[in-house]
Full PDB file with SEQRES, HELIX, SHEET, SSBOND, CRYST1, ORIGX, SCALE, CONECT and MASTER records, all heavy atoms in Angstrom:
SEQRES   1 A   37  GLY ASP ARG PHE TYR ILE LEU VAL GLU ASN LEU ALA SER          
SEQRES   2 A   37  GLU LYS TYR LEU SER ILE VAL THR GLU ARG ILE GLN GLN          
SEQRES   3 A   37  GLU LEU ASP ARG HIS PRO ALA GLU GLY ILE HIS                  
HELIX    1 AA1 TYR A   16  ARG A   30  1                                  15    
CRYST1    1.000    1.000    1.000  90.00  90.00  90.00 P 1           1          
ORIGX1      1.000000  0.000000  0.000000        0.00000                         
ORIGX2      0.000000  1.000000  0.000000        0.00000                         
ORIGX3      0.000000  0.000000  1.000000        0.00000                         
SCALE1      1.000000  0.000000  0.000000        0.00000                         
SCALE2      0.000000  1.000000  0.000000        0.00000                         
SCALE3      0.000000  0.000000  1.000000        0.00000                         
ATOM      1  N   GLY A   1       0.781  -1.232   0.005  1.00  0.00           N  
ATOM      2  CA  GLY A   1      -0.007  -0.002  -0.008  1.00  0.00           C  
ATOM      3  C   GLY A   1       0.799   1.270  -0.008  1.00  0.00           C  
ATOM      4  O   GLY A   1       1.236   1.743  -1.029  1.00  0.00           O  
ATOM      5  N   ASP A   2       1.018   1.821   1.197  1.00  0.00           N  
ATOM      6  CA  ASP A   2       1.617   3.154   1.297  1.00  0.00           C  
ATOM      7  C   ASP A   2       3.023   3.155   1.872  1.00  0.00           C  
ATOM      8  O   ASP A   2       3.455   4.119   2.451  1.00  0.00           O  
ATOM      9  CB  ASP A   2       0.710   4.034   2.149  1.00  0.00           C  
ATOM     10  CG  ASP A   2       0.418   3.453   3.529  1.00  0.00           C  
ATOM     11  OD1 ASP A   2       0.951   2.358   3.842  1.00  0.00           O  
ATOM     12  OD2 ASP A   2      -0.323   4.065   4.278  1.00  0.00           O  
ATOM     13  N   ARG A   3       3.758   2.077   1.710  1.00  0.00           N  
ATOM     14  CA  ARG A   3       5.102   1.980   2.256  1.00  0.00           C  
ATOM     15  C   ARG A   3       6.080   1.778   1.119  1.00  0.00           C  
ATOM     16  O   ARG A   3       5.879   0.964   0.223  1.00  0.00           O  
ATOM     17  CB  ARG A   3       5.170   0.797   3.231  1.00  0.00           C  
ATOM     18  CG  ARG A   3       6.432   0.776   4.027  1.00  0.00           C  
ATOM     19  CD  ARG A   3       6.339  -0.166   5.176  1.00  0.00           C  
ATOM     20  NE  ARG A   3       5.194   0.043   6.014  1.00  0.00           N  
ATOM     21  CZ  ARG A   3       5.155   0.864   7.052  1.00  0.00           C  
ATOM     22  NH1 ARG A   3       6.207   1.551   7.387  1.00  0.00           N  
ATOM     23  NH2 ARG A   3       4.059   0.991   7.796  1.00  0.00           N  
ATOM     24  N   PHE A   4       7.181   2.557   1.199  1.00  0.00           N  
ATOM     25  CA  PHE A   4       8.223   2.484   0.191  1.00  0.00           C  
ATOM     26  C   PHE A   4       9.539   2.225   0.896  1.00  0.00           C  
ATOM     27  O   PHE A   4       9.732   2.667   2.021  1.00  0.00           O  
ATOM     28  CB  PHE A   4       8.328   3.821  -0.576  1.00  0.00           C  
ATOM     29  CG  PHE A   4       7.086   4.216  -1.287  1.00  0.00           C  
ATOM     30  CD1 PHE A   4       6.102   4.980  -0.641  1.00  0.00           C  
ATOM     31  CD2 PHE A   4       6.883   3.864  -2.596  1.00  0.00           C  
ATOM     32  CE1 PHE A   4       4.947   5.350  -1.284  1.00  0.00           C  
ATOM     33  CE2 PHE A   4       5.709   4.239  -3.257  1.00  0.00           C  
ATOM     34  CZ  PHE A   4       4.745   4.989  -2.592  1.00  0.00           C  
ATOM     35  N   TYR A   5      10.446   1.542   0.174  1.00  0.00           N  
ATOM     36  CA  TYR A   5      11.805   1.329   0.695  1.00  0.00           C  
ATOM     37  C   TYR A   5      12.804   1.732  -0.379  1.00  0.00           C  
ATOM     38  O   TYR A   5      12.551   1.547  -1.573  1.00  0.00           O  
ATOM     39  CB  TYR A   5      12.036  -0.142   1.054  1.00  0.00           C  
ATOM     40  CG  TYR A   5      11.408  -0.545   2.371  1.00  0.00           C  
ATOM     41  CD1 TYR A   5      10.110  -1.026   2.415  1.00  0.00           C  
ATOM     42  CD2 TYR A   5      12.119  -0.416   3.554  1.00  0.00           C  
ATOM     43  CE1 TYR A   5       9.519  -1.373   3.624  1.00  0.00           C  
ATOM     44  CE2 TYR A   5      11.517  -0.749   4.755  1.00  0.00           C  
ATOM     45  CZ  TYR A   5      10.230  -1.242   4.780  1.00  0.00           C  
ATOM     46  OH  TYR A   5       9.668  -1.584   5.986  1.00  0.00           O  
ATOM     47  N   ILE A   6      13.904   2.286   0.083  1.00  0.00           N  
ATOM     48  CA  ILE A   6      14.965   2.722  -0.822  1.00  0.00           C  
ATOM     49  C   ILE A   6      16.258   2.074  -0.368  1.00  0.00           C  
ATOM     50  O   ILE A   6      16.658   2.244   0.793  1.00  0.00           O  
ATOM     51  CB  ILE A   6      15.114   4.252  -0.812  1.00  0.00           C  
ATOM     52  CG1 ILE A   6      13.778   4.930  -1.117  1.00  0.00           C  
ATOM     53  CG2 ILE A   6      16.221   4.696  -1.768  1.00  0.00           C  
ATOM     54  CD1 ILE A   6      13.673   6.328  -0.631  1.00  0.00           C  
ATOM     55  N   LEU A   7      16.903   1.338  -1.234  1.00  0.00           N  
ATOM     56  CA  LEU A   7      18.217   0.741  -0.954  1.00  0.00           C  
ATOM     57  C   LEU A   7      19.269   1.693  -1.515  1.00  0.00           C  
ATOM     58  O   LEU A   7      19.290   1.942  -2.727  1.00  0.00           O  
ATOM     59  CB  LEU A   7      18.318  -0.644  -1.614  1.00  0.00           C  
ATOM     60  CG  LEU A   7      19.660  -1.321  -1.534  1.00  0.00           C  
ATOM     61  CD1 LEU A   7      20.093  -1.553  -0.068  1.00  0.00           C  
ATOM     62  CD2 LEU A   7      19.650  -2.630  -2.321  1.00  0.00           C  
ATOM     63  N   VAL A   8      20.065   2.238  -0.634  1.00  0.00           N  
ATOM     64  CA  VAL A   8      21.108   3.198  -1.027  1.00  0.00           C  
ATOM     65  C   VAL A   8      22.451   2.478  -0.882  1.00  0.00           C  
ATOM     66  O   VAL A   8      22.928   2.287   0.218  1.00  0.00           O  
ATOM     67  CB  VAL A   8      21.055   4.461  -0.157  1.00  0.00           C  
ATOM     68  CG1 VAL A   8      22.069   5.495  -0.643  1.00  0.00           C  
ATOM     69  CG2 VAL A   8      19.660   5.041  -0.136  1.00  0.00           C  
ATOM     70  N   GLU A   9      23.027   2.095  -2.017  1.00  0.00           N  
ATOM     71  CA  GLU A   9      24.286   1.346  -1.993  1.00  0.00           C  
ATOM     72  C   GLU A   9      25.453   2.269  -2.298  1.00  0.00           C  
ATOM     73  O   GLU A   9      25.288   3.396  -2.719  1.00  0.00           O  
ATOM     74  CB  GLU A   9      24.255   0.223  -3.062  1.00  0.00           C  
ATOM     75  CG  GLU A   9      23.211  -0.827  -2.794  1.00  0.00           C  
ATOM     76  CD  GLU A   9      23.190  -1.887  -3.817  1.00  0.00           C  
ATOM     77  OE1 GLU A   9      24.021  -2.838  -3.708  1.00  0.00           O  
ATOM     78  OE2 GLU A   9      22.383  -1.814  -4.757  1.00  0.00           O  
ATOM     79  N   ASN A  10      26.644   1.726  -2.054  1.00  0.00           N  
ATOM     80  CA  ASN A  10      27.901   2.420  -2.363  1.00  0.00           C  
ATOM     81  C   ASN A  10      27.980   3.782  -1.692  1.00  0.00           C  
ATOM     82  O   ASN A  10      28.304   4.782  -2.341  1.00  0.00           O  
ATOM     83  CB  ASN A  10      28.069   2.555  -3.894  1.00  0.00           C  
ATOM     84  CG  ASN A  10      28.030   1.221  -4.560  1.00  0.00           C  
ATOM     85  OD1 ASN A  10      28.735   0.291  -4.184  1.00  0.00           O  
ATOM     86  ND2 ASN A  10      27.175   1.101  -5.575  1.00  0.00           N  
ATOM     87  N   LEU A  11      27.694   3.825  -0.422  1.00  0.00           N  
ATOM     88  CA  LEU A  11      27.808   5.065   0.349  1.00  0.00           C  
ATOM     89  C   LEU A  11      29.268   5.400   0.550  1.00  0.00           C  
ATOM     90  O   LEU A  11      30.071   4.571   0.951  1.00  0.00           O  
ATOM     91  CB  LEU A  11      27.098   4.936   1.678  1.00  0.00           C  
ATOM     92  CG  LEU A  11      25.574   4.752   1.620  1.00  0.00           C  
ATOM     93  CD1 LEU A  11      25.043   4.363   2.993  1.00  0.00           C  
ATOM     94  CD2 LEU A  11      24.927   6.008   1.120  1.00  0.00           C  
ATOM     95  N   ALA A  12      29.628   6.649   0.246  1.00  0.00           N  
ATOM     96  CA  ALA A  12      31.017   7.088   0.424  1.00  0.00           C  
ATOM     97  C   ALA A  12      31.416   7.152   1.901  1.00  0.00           C  
ATOM     98  O   ALA A  12      32.572   6.933   2.254  1.00  0.00           O  
ATOM     99  CB  ALA A  12      31.197   8.436  -0.222  1.00  0.00           C  
ATOM    100  N   SER A  13      30.464   7.429   2.767  1.00  0.00           N  
ATOM    101  CA  SER A  13      30.712   7.474   4.203  1.00  0.00           C  
ATOM    102  C   SER A  13      29.390   7.213   4.961  1.00  0.00           C  
ATOM    103  O   SER A  13      28.321   7.263   4.350  1.00  0.00           O  
ATOM    104  CB  SER A  13      31.289   8.808   4.641  1.00  0.00           C  
ATOM    105  OG  SER A  13      30.313   9.803   4.627  1.00  0.00           O  
ATOM    106  N   GLU A  14      29.520   6.963   6.229  1.00  0.00           N  
ATOM    107  CA  GLU A  14      28.328   6.680   7.049  1.00  0.00           C  
ATOM    108  C   GLU A  14      27.372   7.867   7.105  1.00  0.00           C  
ATOM    109  O   GLU A  14      26.161   7.700   7.221  1.00  0.00           O  
ATOM    110  CB  GLU A  14      28.741   6.249   8.442  1.00  0.00           C  
ATOM    111  CG  GLU A  14      29.413   4.883   8.461  1.00  0.00           C  
ATOM    112  CD  GLU A  14      29.750   4.423   9.875  1.00  0.00           C  
ATOM    113  OE1 GLU A  14      29.285   5.028  10.856  1.00  0.00           O  
ATOM    114  OE2 GLU A  14      30.478   3.437   9.973  1.00  0.00           O  
ATOM    115  N   LYS A  15      27.903   9.079   7.032  1.00  0.00           N  
ATOM    116  CA  LYS A  15      27.037  10.258   7.156  1.00  0.00           C  
ATOM    117  C   LYS A  15      26.177  10.504   5.909  1.00  0.00           C  
ATOM    118  O   LYS A  15      25.182  11.245   5.964  1.00  0.00           O  
ATOM    119  CB  LYS A  15      27.883  11.491   7.475  1.00  0.00           C  
ATOM    120  CG  LYS A  15      28.804  11.931   6.381  1.00  0.00           C  
ATOM    121  CD  LYS A  15      29.599  13.148   6.767  1.00  0.00           C  
ATOM    122  CE  LYS A  15      30.542  13.527   5.635  1.00  0.00           C  
ATOM    123  NZ  LYS A  15      31.330  14.684   5.945  1.00  0.00           N  
ATOM    124  N   TYR A  16      26.537   9.891   4.801  1.00  0.00           N  
ATOM    125  CA  TYR A  16      25.821  10.158   3.552  1.00  0.00           C  
ATOM    126  C   TYR A  16      24.363   9.703   3.616  1.00  0.00           C  
ATOM    127  O   TYR A  16      23.475  10.333   3.026  1.00  0.00           O  
ATOM    128  CB  TYR A  16      26.530   9.495   2.364  1.00  0.00           C  
ATOM    129  CG  TYR A  16      25.925   9.883   1.036  1.00  0.00           C  
ATOM    130  CD1 TYR A  16      26.024  11.187   0.558  1.00  0.00           C  
ATOM    131  CD2 TYR A  16      25.233   8.974   0.294  1.00  0.00           C  
ATOM    132  CE1 TYR A  16      25.469  11.570  -0.649  1.00  0.00           C  
ATOM    133  CE2 TYR A  16      24.639   9.328  -0.907  1.00  0.00           C  
ATOM    134  CZ  TYR A  16      24.763  10.614  -1.380  1.00  0.00           C  
ATOM    135  OH  TYR A  16      24.191  10.974  -2.552  1.00  0.00           O  
ATOM    136  N   LEU A  17      24.070   8.590   4.338  1.00  0.00           N  
ATOM    137  CA  LEU A  17      22.699   8.120   4.394  1.00  0.00           C  
ATOM    138  C   LEU A  17      21.771   9.175   5.019  1.00  0.00           C  
ATOM    139  O   LEU A  17      20.642   9.382   4.532  1.00  0.00           O  
ATOM    140  CB  LEU A  17      22.613   6.811   5.185  1.00  0.00           C  
ATOM    141  CG  LEU A  17      21.237   6.161   5.209  1.00  0.00           C  
ATOM    142  CD1 LEU A  17      20.767   5.783   3.815  1.00  0.00           C  
ATOM    143  CD2 LEU A  17      21.252   4.927   6.098  1.00  0.00           C  
ATOM    144  N   SER A  18      22.208   9.854   6.053  1.00  0.00           N  
ATOM    145  CA  SER A  18      21.363  10.884   6.658  1.00  0.00           C  
ATOM    146  C   SER A  18      21.180  12.054   5.713  1.00  0.00           C  
ATOM    147  O   SER A  18      20.105  12.664   5.702  1.00  0.00           O  
ATOM    148  CB  SER A  18      21.943  11.334   8.009  1.00  0.00           C  
ATOM    149  OG  SER A  18      23.179  11.933   7.833  1.00  0.00           O  
ATOM    150  N   ILE A  19      22.152  12.359   4.903  1.00  0.00           N  
ATOM    151  CA  ILE A  19      22.038  13.442   3.906  1.00  0.00           C  
ATOM    152  C   ILE A  19      20.995  13.075   2.879  1.00  0.00           C  
ATOM    153  O   ILE A  19      20.120  13.882   2.519  1.00  0.00           O  
ATOM    154  CB  ILE A  19      23.399  13.747   3.251  1.00  0.00           C  
ATOM    155  CG1 ILE A  19      24.379  14.305   4.281  1.00  0.00           C  
ATOM    156  CG2 ILE A  19      23.265  14.673   2.068  1.00  0.00           C  
ATOM    157  CD1 ILE A  19      25.818  14.389   3.830  1.00  0.00           C  
ATOM    158  N   VAL A  20      21.034  11.825   2.386  1.00  0.00           N  
ATOM    159  CA  VAL A  20      20.073  11.350   1.397  1.00  0.00           C  
ATOM    160  C   VAL A  20      18.646  11.359   1.996  1.00  0.00           C  
ATOM    161  O   VAL A  20      17.701  11.827   1.373  1.00  0.00           O  
ATOM    162  CB  VAL A  20      20.434   9.932   0.892  1.00  0.00           C  
ATOM    163  CG1 VAL A  20      19.342   9.372   0.003  1.00  0.00           C  
ATOM    164  CG2 VAL A  20      21.766   9.969   0.160  1.00  0.00           C  
ATOM    165  N   THR A  21      18.531  10.870   3.211  1.00  0.00           N  
ATOM    166  CA  THR A  21      17.241  10.827   3.892  1.00  0.00           C  
ATOM    167  C   THR A  21      16.659  12.237   4.028  1.00  0.00           C  
ATOM    168  O   THR A  21      15.461  12.458   3.753  1.00  0.00           O  
ATOM    169  CB  THR A  21      17.379  10.130   5.266  1.00  0.00           C  
ATOM    170  OG1 THR A  21      17.925   8.839   5.086  1.00  0.00           O  
ATOM    171  CG2 THR A  21      16.029  10.031   5.957  1.00  0.00           C  
ATOM    172  N   GLU A  22      17.500  13.142   4.455  1.00  0.00           N  
ATOM    173  CA  GLU A  22      17.038  14.542   4.617  1.00  0.00           C  
ATOM    174  C   GLU A  22      16.604  15.141   3.292  1.00  0.00           C  
ATOM    175  O   GLU A  22      15.595  15.825   3.205  1.00  0.00           O  
ATOM    176  CB  GLU A  22      18.139  15.375   5.237  1.00  0.00           C  
ATOM    177  CG  GLU A  22      17.724  16.789   5.575  1.00  0.00           C  
ATOM    178  CD  GLU A  22      18.852  17.543   6.274  1.00  0.00           C  
ATOM    179  OE1 GLU A  22      19.468  16.962   7.189  1.00  0.00           O  
ATOM    180  OE2 GLU A  22      19.076  18.707   5.883  1.00  0.00           O  
ATOM    181  N   ARG A  23      17.340  14.859   2.219  1.00  0.00           N  
ATOM    182  CA  ARG A  23      17.018  15.389   0.904  1.00  0.00           C  
ATOM    183  C   ARG A  23      15.665  14.858   0.424  1.00  0.00           C  
ATOM    184  O   ARG A  23      14.834  15.601  -0.096  1.00  0.00           O  
ATOM    185  CB  ARG A  23      18.125  15.044  -0.110  1.00  0.00           C  
ATOM    186  CG  ARG A  23      17.902  15.669  -1.471  1.00  0.00           C  
ATOM    187  CD  ARG A  23      18.987  15.342  -2.446  1.00  0.00           C  
ATOM    188  NE  ARG A  23      18.881  13.941  -2.811  1.00  0.00           N  
ATOM    189  CZ  ARG A  23      19.904  13.125  -2.983  1.00  0.00           C  
ATOM    190  NH1 ARG A  23      21.130  13.531  -2.774  1.00  0.00           N  
ATOM    191  NH2 ARG A  23      19.734  11.869  -3.318  1.00  0.00           N  
ATOM    192  N   ILE A  24      15.411  13.572   0.653  1.00  0.00           N  
ATOM    193  CA  ILE A  24      14.137  13.007   0.253  1.00  0.00           C  
ATOM    194  C   ILE A  24      13.004  13.587   1.075  1.00  0.00           C  
ATOM    195  O   ILE A  24      11.946  13.927   0.538  1.00  0.00           O  
ATOM    196  CB  ILE A  24      14.176  11.467   0.355  1.00  0.00           C  
ATOM    197  CG1 ILE A  24      15.157  10.880  -0.628  1.00  0.00           C  
ATOM    198  CG2 ILE A  24      12.790  10.854   0.153  1.00  0.00           C  
ATOM    199  CD1 ILE A  24      15.492   9.430  -0.412  1.00  0.00           C  
ATOM    200  N   GLN A  25      13.203  13.713   2.381  1.00  0.00           N  
ATOM    201  CA  GLN A  25      12.185  14.311   3.259  1.00  0.00           C  
ATOM    202  C   GLN A  25      11.832  15.742   2.808  1.00  0.00           C  
ATOM    203  O   GLN A  25      10.674  16.128   2.757  1.00  0.00           O  
ATOM    204  CB  GLN A  25      12.632  14.306   4.703  1.00  0.00           C  
ATOM    205  CG  GLN A  25      11.574  14.844   5.683  1.00  0.00           C  
ATOM    206  CD  GLN A  25      10.402  13.922   5.841  1.00  0.00           C  
ATOM    207  OE1 GLN A  25      10.561  12.814   6.360  1.00  0.00           O  
ATOM    208  NE2 GLN A  25       9.211  14.315   5.410  1.00  0.00           N  
ATOM    209  N   GLN A  26      12.865  16.516   2.485  1.00  0.00           N  
ATOM    210  CA  GLN A  26      12.630  17.902   2.028  1.00  0.00           C  
ATOM    211  C   GLN A  26      11.813  17.915   0.742  1.00  0.00           C  
ATOM    212  O   GLN A  26      10.913  18.741   0.603  1.00  0.00           O  
ATOM    213  CB  GLN A  26      13.954  18.622   1.816  1.00  0.00           C  
ATOM    214  CG  GLN A  26      14.650  18.977   3.105  1.00  0.00           C  
ATOM    215  CD  GLN A  26      16.062  19.540   2.882  1.00  0.00           C  
ATOM    216  OE1 GLN A  26      16.588  19.544   1.769  1.00  0.00           O  
ATOM    217  NE2 GLN A  26      16.658  20.023   3.964  1.00  0.00           N  
ATOM    218  N   GLU A  27      12.116  17.025  -0.169  1.00  0.00           N  
ATOM    219  CA  GLU A  27      11.347  16.964  -1.436  1.00  0.00           C  
ATOM    220  C   GLU A  27       9.917  16.570  -1.175  1.00  0.00           C  
ATOM    221  O   GLU A  27       8.979  17.176  -1.758  1.00  0.00           O  
ATOM    222  CB  GLU A  27      12.018  15.979  -2.407  1.00  0.00           C  
ATOM    223  CG  GLU A  27      11.270  15.832  -3.725  1.00  0.00           C  
ATOM    224  CD  GLU A  27      11.247  17.055  -4.568  1.00  0.00           C  
ATOM    225  OE1 GLU A  27      12.094  17.967  -4.409  1.00  0.00           O  
ATOM    226  OE2 GLU A  27      10.381  17.136  -5.440  1.00  0.00           O  
ATOM    227  N   LEU A  28       9.689  15.626  -0.303  1.00  0.00           N  
ATOM    228  CA  LEU A  28       8.313  15.194  -0.009  1.00  0.00           C  
ATOM    229  C   LEU A  28       7.550  16.297   0.741  1.00  0.00           C  
ATOM    230  O   LEU A  28       6.349  16.447   0.550  1.00  0.00           O  
ATOM    231  CB  LEU A  28       8.333  13.894   0.800  1.00  0.00           C  
ATOM    232  CG  LEU A  28       8.817  12.685   0.026  1.00  0.00           C  
ATOM    233  CD1 LEU A  28       8.991  11.490   0.961  1.00  0.00           C  
ATOM    234  CD2 LEU A  28       7.874  12.326  -1.112  1.00  0.00           C  
ATOM    235  N   ASP A  29       8.236  17.046   1.578  1.00  0.00           N  
ATOM    236  CA  ASP A  29       7.609  18.173   2.282  1.00  0.00           C  
ATOM    237  C   ASP A  29       7.315  19.333   1.335  1.00  0.00           C  
ATOM    238  O   ASP A  29       6.312  19.996   1.452  1.00  0.00           O  
ATOM    239  CB  ASP A  29       8.489  18.668   3.432  1.00  0.00           C  
ATOM    240  CG  ASP A  29       8.560  17.684   4.576  1.00  0.00           C  
ATOM    241  OD1 ASP A  29       7.731  16.752   4.621  1.00  0.00           O  
ATOM    242  OD2 ASP A  29       9.479  17.847   5.425  1.00  0.00           O  
ATOM    243  N   ARG A  30       8.220  19.543   0.377  1.00  0.00           N  
ATOM    244  CA  ARG A  30       8.078  20.636  -0.560  1.00  0.00           C  
ATOM    245  C   ARG A  30       6.942  20.397  -1.568  1.00  0.00           C  
ATOM    246  O   ARG A  30       6.239  21.292  -1.973  1.00  0.00           O  
ATOM    247  CB  ARG A  30       9.394  20.855  -1.306  1.00  0.00           C  
ATOM    248  CG  ARG A  30       9.470  22.140  -2.075  1.00  0.00           C  
ATOM    249  CD  ARG A  30      10.828  22.464  -2.697  1.00  0.00           C  
ATOM    250  NE  ARG A  30      11.765  21.388  -2.914  1.00  0.00           N  
ATOM    251  CZ  ARG A  30      12.866  21.208  -2.172  1.00  0.00           C  
ATOM    252  NH1 ARG A  30      13.164  22.001  -1.197  1.00  0.00           N  
ATOM    253  NH2 ARG A  30      13.698  20.209  -2.443  1.00  0.00           N  
ATOM    254  N   HIS A  31       6.767  19.130  -1.983  1.00  0.00           N  
ATOM    255  CA  HIS A  31       5.747  18.780  -2.951  1.00  0.00           C  
ATOM    256  C   HIS A  31       4.903  17.631  -2.420  1.00  0.00           C  
ATOM    257  O   HIS A  31       4.930  16.525  -2.970  1.00  0.00           O  
ATOM    258  CB  HIS A  31       6.391  18.381  -4.278  1.00  0.00           C  
ATOM    259  CG  HIS A  31       7.250  19.414  -4.884  1.00  0.00           C  
ATOM    260  ND1 HIS A  31       6.756  20.564  -5.434  1.00  0.00           N  
ATOM    261  CD2 HIS A  31       8.619  19.517  -4.992  1.00  0.00           C  
ATOM    262  CE1 HIS A  31       7.758  21.325  -5.867  1.00  0.00           C  
ATOM    263  NE2 HIS A  31       8.872  20.706  -5.605  1.00  0.00           N  
ATOM    264  N   PRO A  32       4.123  17.869  -1.367  1.00  0.00           N  
ATOM    265  CA  PRO A  32       3.382  16.762  -0.794  1.00  0.00           C  
ATOM    266  C   PRO A  32       2.200  16.361  -1.701  1.00  0.00           C  
ATOM    267  O   PRO A  32       1.579  17.199  -2.335  1.00  0.00           O  
ATOM    268  CB  PRO A  32       2.854  17.345   0.515  1.00  0.00           C  
ATOM    269  CG  PRO A  32       2.757  18.810   0.287  1.00  0.00           C  
ATOM    270  CD  PRO A  32       3.892  19.137  -0.675  1.00  0.00           C  
ATOM    271  N   ALA A  33       1.931  15.062  -1.726  1.00  0.00           N  
ATOM    272  CA  ALA A  33       0.729  14.573  -2.400  1.00  0.00           C  
ATOM    273  C   ALA A  33      -0.458  14.949  -1.525  1.00  0.00           C  
ATOM    274  O   ALA A  33      -0.363  14.956  -0.293  1.00  0.00           O  
ATOM    275  CB  ALA A  33       0.830  13.061  -2.595  1.00  0.00           C  
ATOM    276  N   GLU A  34      -1.569  15.285  -2.138  1.00  0.00           N  
ATOM    277  CA  GLU A  34      -2.729  15.744  -1.411  1.00  0.00           C  
ATOM    278  C   GLU A  34      -3.208  14.667  -0.402  1.00  0.00           C  
ATOM    279  O   GLU A  34      -3.408  13.511  -0.755  1.00  0.00           O  
ATOM    280  CB  GLU A  34      -3.871  16.062  -2.359  1.00  0.00           C  
ATOM    281  CG  GLU A  34      -5.074  16.647  -1.677  1.00  0.00           C  
ATOM    282  CD  GLU A  34      -6.177  17.001  -2.632  1.00  0.00           C  
ATOM    283  OE1 GLU A  34      -5.891  17.208  -3.822  1.00  0.00           O  
ATOM    284  OE2 GLU A  34      -7.319  17.094  -2.197  1.00  0.00           O  
ATOM    285  N   GLY A  35      -3.318  15.075   0.855  1.00  0.00           N  
ATOM    286  CA  GLY A  35      -3.815  14.208   1.898  1.00  0.00           C  
ATOM    287  C   GLY A  35      -2.826  13.180   2.394  1.00  0.00           C  
ATOM    288  O   GLY A  35      -3.222  12.242   3.111  1.00  0.00           O  
ATOM    289  N   ILE A  36      -1.554  13.277   2.060  1.00  0.00           N  
ATOM    290  CA  ILE A  36      -0.568  12.310   2.469  1.00  0.00           C  
ATOM    291  C   ILE A  36       0.554  12.991   3.238  1.00  0.00           C  
ATOM    292  O   ILE A  36       1.069  14.022   2.850  1.00  0.00           O  
ATOM    293  CB  ILE A  36       0.043  11.559   1.248  1.00  0.00           C  
ATOM    294  CG1 ILE A  36      -1.074  10.688   0.615  1.00  0.00           C  
ATOM    295  CG2 ILE A  36       1.213  10.681   1.668  1.00  0.00           C  
ATOM    296  CD1 ILE A  36      -0.605   9.843  -0.507  1.00  0.00           C  
ATOM    297  N   HIS A  37       0.927  12.384   4.358  1.00  0.00           N  
ATOM    298  CA  HIS A  37       2.044  12.846   5.162  1.00  0.00           C  
ATOM    299  C   HIS A  37       3.077  11.710   5.171  1.00  0.00           C  
ATOM    300  O   HIS A  37       2.739  10.567   5.460  1.00  0.00           O  
ATOM    301  CB  HIS A  37       1.608  13.165   6.596  1.00  0.00           C  
ATOM    302  CG  HIS A  37       2.737  13.469   7.489  1.00  0.00           C  
ATOM    303  ND1 HIS A  37       3.438  14.651   7.409  1.00  0.00           N  
ATOM    304  CD2 HIS A  37       3.332  12.728   8.477  1.00  0.00           C  
ATOM    305  CE1 HIS A  37       4.433  14.621   8.322  1.00  0.00           C  
ATOM    306  NE2 HIS A  37       4.345  13.473   8.982  1.00  0.00           N  
TER     307      HIS A  37                                                      
MASTER        0    0    0    1    0    0    0    6  306    1    0    3          
END                                                                             
């Protein structure tokens, strides 16, 4: 249904995953689908 997973491979460092997560969250917040959080 409403669950997505993203496999992020070949990370240059451990901190990169949080950067990617934050970038995706910002995009979803900037362009939210109607009625979805």
